[in-house]
Amino acid sequence: MKVVSIEWLRERAQLLTGQPRPIEFTDRVIAVVRYRDGSVIDVVHQVKE
């Protein structure tokens, strides 16, 4: 089996499918990611439809 780099795979995928559109998000927070001490480390926003 031929081993290829992740960069080559990305370029190949973009050649076959085109450049992806950026994902648009709303301001609505649908999830809060917390560390075990309770501090907020991330939030997840709803995707625009």
PDB file of N, CA and C in Angstrom:
ATOM      1  N   MET A   1       0.838  -1.163   0.000  1.00  0.00           N
ATOM      2  CA  MET A   1       0.000   0.000   0.000  1.00  0.00           C
ATOM      3  C   MET A   1       0.896   1.244   0.000  1.00  0.00           C
ATOM      4  N   LYS A   2       0.546   2.203  -0.852  1.00  0.00           N
ATOM      5  CA  LYS A   2       1.317   3.440  -0.940  1.00  0.00           C
ATOM      6  C   LYS A   2       0.951   4.362   0.226  1.00  0.00           C
ATOM      7  N   VAL A   3       1.950   4.913   0.891  1.00  0.00           N
ATOM      8  CA  VAL A   3       1.732   5.851   1.991  1.00  0.00           C
ATOM      9  C   VAL A   3       1.839   7.267   1.437  1.00  0.00           C
ATOM     10  N   VAL A   4       0.832   8.104   1.750  1.00  0.00           N
ATOM     11  CA  VAL A   4       0.829   9.495   1.281  1.00  0.00           C
ATOM     12  C   VAL A   4       0.631  10.425   2.468  1.00  0.00           C
ATOM     13  N   SER A   5       0.994  11.687   2.277  1.00  0.00           N
ATOM     14  CA  SER A   5       0.863  12.661   3.364  1.00  0.00           C
ATOM     15  C   SER A   5      -0.574  13.159   3.481  1.00  0.00           C
ATOM     16  N   ILE A   6      -0.904  13.702   4.631  1.00  0.00           N
ATOM     17  CA  ILE A   6      -2.228  14.271   4.853  1.00  0.00           C
ATOM     18  C   ILE A   6      -2.449  15.472   3.937  1.00  0.00           C
ATOM     19  N   GLU A   7      -1.385  16.213   3.641  1.00  0.00           N
ATOM     20  CA  GLU A   7      -1.494  17.352   2.728  1.00  0.00           C
ATOM     21  C   GLU A   7      -1.892  16.888   1.329  1.00  0.00           C
ATOM     22  N   TRP A   8      -1.308  15.789   0.876  1.00  0.00           N
ATOM     23  CA  TRP A   8      -1.647  15.247  -0.437  1.00  0.00           C
ATOM     24  C   TRP A   8      -3.109  14.819  -0.472  1.00  0.00           C
ATOM     25  N   LEU A   9      -3.564  14.178   0.600  1.00  0.00           N
ATOM     26  CA  LEU A   9      -4.963  13.756   0.672  1.00  0.00           C
ATOM     27  C   LEU A   9      -5.905  14.955   0.617  1.00  0.00           C
ATOM     28  N   ARG A  10      -5.546  16.022   1.319  1.00  0.00           N
ATOM     29  CA  ARG A  10      -6.378  17.239   1.319  1.00  0.00           C
ATOM     30  C   ARG A  10      -6.447  17.847  -0.080  1.00  0.00           C
ATOM     31  N   GLU A  11      -5.299  17.965  -0.737  1.00  0.00           N
ATOM     32  CA  GLU A  11      -5.269  18.514  -2.093  1.00  0.00           C
ATOM     33  C   GLU A  11      -6.096  17.663  -3.053  1.00  0.00           C
ATOM     34  N   ARG A  12      -5.985  16.372  -2.926  1.00  0.00           N
ATOM     35  CA  ARG A  12      -6.735  15.446  -3.793  1.00  0.00           C
ATOM     36  C   ARG A  12      -8.236  15.595  -3.577  1.00  0.00           C
ATOM     37  N   ALA A  13      -8.647  15.681  -2.317  1.00  0.00           N
ATOM     38  CA  ALA A  13     -10.068  15.854  -2.005  1.00  0.00           C
ATOM     39  C   ALA A  13     -10.593  17.164  -2.577  1.00  0.00           C
ATOM     40  N   GLN A  14      -9.804  18.237  -2.482  1.00  0.00           N
ATOM     41  CA  GLN A  14     -10.244  19.527  -3.008  1.00  0.00           C
ATOM     42  C   GLN A  14     -10.297  19.524  -4.537  1.00  0.00           C
ATOM     43  N   LEU A  15      -9.415  18.794  -5.174  1.00  0.00           N
ATOM     44  CA  LEU A  15      -9.479  18.668  -6.630  1.00  0.00           C
ATOM     45  C   LEU A  15     -10.760  17.959  -7.065  1.00  0.00           C
ATOM     46  N   LEU A  16     -11.158  16.943  -6.316  1.00  0.00           N
ATOM     47  CA  LEU A  16     -12.327  16.147  -6.680  1.00  0.00           C
ATOM     48  C   LEU A  16     -13.646  16.816  -6.309  1.00  0.00           C
ATOM     49  N   THR A  17     -13.677  17.552  -5.191  1.00  0.00           N
ATOM     50  CA  THR A  17     -14.949  18.084  -4.689  1.00  0.00           C
ATOM     51  C   THR A  17     -15.042  19.599  -4.702  1.00  0.00           C
ATOM     52  N   GLY A  18     -13.935  20.288  -4.894  1.00  0.00           N
ATOM     53  CA  GLY A  18     -13.946  21.745  -4.874  1.00  0.00           C
ATOM     54  C   GLY A  18     -13.654  22.284  -3.487  1.00  0.00           C
ATOM     55  N   GLN A  19     -13.496  23.604  -3.423  1.00  0.00           N
ATOM     56  CA  GLN A  19     -13.195  24.283  -2.153  1.00  0.00           C
ATOM     57  C   GLN A  19     -14.462  24.330  -1.294  1.00  0.00           C
ATOM     58  N   PRO A  20     -14.399  23.910  -0.037  1.00  0.00           N
ATOM     59  CA  PRO A  20     -15.590  23.945   0.811  1.00  0.00           C
ATOM     60  C   PRO A  20     -15.957  25.375   1.211  1.00  0.00           C
ATOM     61  N   ARG A  21     -17.267  25.615   1.380  1.00  0.00           N
ATOM     62  CA  ARG A  21     -17.729  26.920   1.861  1.00  0.00           C
ATOM     63  C   ARG A  21     -17.505  26.995   3.362  1.00  0.00           C
ATOM     64  N   PRO A  22     -17.196  28.184   3.879  1.00  0.00           N
ATOM     65  CA  PRO A  22     -17.043  28.329   5.332  1.00  0.00           C
ATOM     66  C   PRO A  22     -18.375  28.071   6.038  1.00  0.00           C
ATOM     67  N   ILE A  23     -18.311  27.510   7.221  1.00  0.00           N
ATOM     68  CA  ILE A  23     -19.513  27.244   8.011  1.00  0.00           C
ATOM     69  C   ILE A  23     -19.941  28.534   8.690  1.00  0.00           C
ATOM     70  N   GLU A  24     -21.234  28.865   8.593  1.00  0.00           N
ATOM     71  CA  GLU A  24     -21.768  30.055   9.247  1.00  0.00           C
ATOM     72  C   GLU A  24     -22.494  29.637  10.515  1.00  0.00           C
ATOM     73  N   PHE A  25     -22.291  30.413  11.583  1.00  0.00           N
ATOM     74  CA  PHE A  25     -22.892  30.119  12.875  1.00  0.00           C
ATOM     75  C   PHE A  25     -23.807  31.254  13.303  1.00  0.00           C
ATOM     76  N   THR A  26     -24.794  30.943  14.157  1.00  0.00           N
ATOM     77  CA  THR A  26     -25.627  31.967  14.779  1.00  0.00           C
ATOM     78  C   THR A  26     -24.998  32.332  16.119  1.00  0.00           C
ATOM     79  N   ASP A  27     -25.595  33.298  16.805  1.00  0.00           N
ATOM     80  CA  ASP A  27     -25.107  33.681  18.134  1.00  0.00           C
ATOM     81  C   ASP A  27     -25.640  32.760  19.232  1.00  0.00           C
ATOM     82  N   ARG A  28     -26.558  31.851  18.891  1.00  0.00           N
ATOM     83  CA  ARG A  28     -27.173  30.964  19.883  1.00  0.00           C
ATOM     84  C   ARG A  28     -26.183  29.895  20.352  1.00  0.00           C
ATOM     85  N   VAL A  29     -25.935  29.858  21.639  1.00  0.00           N
ATOM     86  CA  VAL A  29     -25.061  28.845  22.234  1.00  0.00           C
ATOM     87  C   VAL A  29     -25.902  27.602  22.505  1.00  0.00           C
ATOM     88  N   ILE A  30     -25.472  26.458  21.980  1.00  0.00           N
ATOM     89  CA  ILE A  30     -26.224  25.223  22.188  1.00  0.00           C
ATOM     90  C   ILE A  30     -25.522  24.252  23.124  1.00  0.00           C
ATOM     91  N   ALA A  31     -24.266  24.527  23.463  1.00  0.00           N
ATOM     92  CA  ALA A  31     -23.548  23.668  24.406  1.00  0.00           C
ATOM     93  C   ALA A  31     -22.420  24.458  25.056  1.00  0.00           C
ATOM     94  N   VAL A  32     -22.144  24.117  26.302  1.00  0.00           N
ATOM     95  CA  VAL A  32     -21.032  24.712  27.039  1.00  0.00           C
ATOM     96  C   VAL A  32     -20.128  23.569  27.479  1.00  0.00           C
ATOM     97  N   VAL A  33     -18.857  23.661  27.149  1.00  0.00           N
ATOM     98  CA  VAL A  33     -17.885  22.633  27.524  1.00  0.00           C
ATOM     99  C   VAL A  33     -17.172  23.112  28.779  1.00  0.00           C
ATOM    100  N   ARG A  34     -17.228  22.294  29.815  1.00  0.00           N
ATOM    101  CA  ARG A  34     -16.622  22.660  31.094  1.00  0.00           C
ATOM    102  C   ARG A  34     -15.517  21.680  31.467  1.00  0.00           C
ATOM    103  N   TYR A  35     -14.506  22.212  32.117  1.00  0.00           N
ATOM    104  CA  TYR A  35     -13.430  21.400  32.663  1.00  0.00           C
ATOM    105  C   TYR A  35     -13.929  20.780  33.962  1.00  0.00           C
ATOM    106  N   ARG A  36     -13.250  19.818  34.482  1.00  0.00           N
ATOM    107  CA  ARG A  36     -13.717  19.123  35.688  1.00  0.00           C
ATOM    108  C   ARG A  36     -13.805  20.018  36.915  1.00  0.00           C
ATOM    109  N   ASP A  37     -13.119  21.175  36.896  1.00  0.00           N
ATOM    110  CA  ASP A  37     -13.241  22.108  38.023  1.00  0.00           C
ATOM    111  C   ASP A  37     -14.409  23.077  37.837  1.00  0.00           C
ATOM    112  N   GLY A  38     -15.146  22.927  36.730  1.00  0.00           N
ATOM    113  CA  GLY A  38     -16.316  23.755  36.479  1.00  0.00           C
ATOM    114  C   GLY A  38     -16.063  24.961  35.595  1.00  0.00           C
ATOM    115  N   SER A  39     -14.812  25.240  35.279  1.00  0.00           N
ATOM    116  CA  SER A  39     -14.527  26.401  34.432  1.00  0.00           C
ATOM    117  C   SER A  39     -14.931  26.107  32.981  1.00  0.00           C
ATOM    118  N   VAL A  40     -15.379  27.150  32.284  1.00  0.00           N
ATOM    119  CA  VAL A  40     -15.805  27.019  30.891  1.00  0.00           C
ATOM    120  C   VAL A  40     -14.568  27.050  29.998  1.00  0.00           C
ATOM    121  N   ILE A  41     -14.428  26.019  29.147  1.00  0.00           N
ATOM    122  CA  ILE A  41     -13.277  25.974  28.244  1.00  0.00           C
ATOM    123  C   ILE A  41     -13.677  26.158  26.782  1.00  0.00           C
ATOM    124  N   ASP A  42     -14.984  26.044  26.477  1.00  0.00           N
ATOM    125  CA  ASP A  42     -15.432  26.241  25.100  1.00  0.00           C
ATOM    126  C   ASP A  42     -16.943  26.368  25.071  1.00  0.00           C
ATOM    127  N   VAL A  43     -17.463  26.952  23.992  1.00  0.00           N
ATOM    128  CA  VAL A  43     -18.903  26.990  23.746  1.00  0.00           C
ATOM    129  C   VAL A  43     -19.146  26.550  22.309  1.00  0.00           C
ATOM    130  N   VAL A  44     -20.306  25.943  22.068  1.00  0.00           N
ATOM    131  CA  VAL A  44     -20.680  25.468  20.737  1.00  0.00           C
ATOM    132  C   VAL A  44     -21.881  26.284  20.277  1.00  0.00           C
ATOM    133  N   HIS A  45     -21.759  26.893  19.093  1.00  0.00           N
ATOM    134  CA  HIS A  45     -22.834  27.719  18.544  1.00  0.00           C
ATOM    135  C   HIS A  45     -23.621  26.944  17.497  1.00  0.00           C
ATOM    136  N   GLN A  46     -24.899  27.317  17.344  1.00  0.00           N
ATOM    137  CA  GLN A  46     -25.770  26.697  16.355  1.00  0.00           C
ATOM    138  C   GLN A  46     -25.309  27.068  14.949  1.00  0.00           C
ATOM    139  N   VAL A  47     -25.407  26.117  14.026  1.00  0.00           N
ATOM    140  CA  VAL A  47     -25.052  26.349  12.631  1.00  0.00           C
ATOM    141  C   VAL A  47     -26.241  27.000  11.927  1.00  0.00           C
ATOM    142  N   LYS A  48     -25.960  28.028  11.098  1.00  0.00           N
ATOM    143  CA  LYS A  48     -27.024  28.663  10.308  1.00  0.00           C
ATOM    144  C   LYS A  48     -27.503  27.687   9.253  1.00  0.00           C
ATOM    145  N   GLU A  49     -28.789  27.714   8.988  1.00  0.00           N
ATOM    146  CA  GLU A  49     -29.346  26.830   7.957  1.00  0.00           C
ATOM    147  C   GLU A  49     -29.570  27.564   6.673  1.00  0.00           C
TER     148      GLU A  49
END
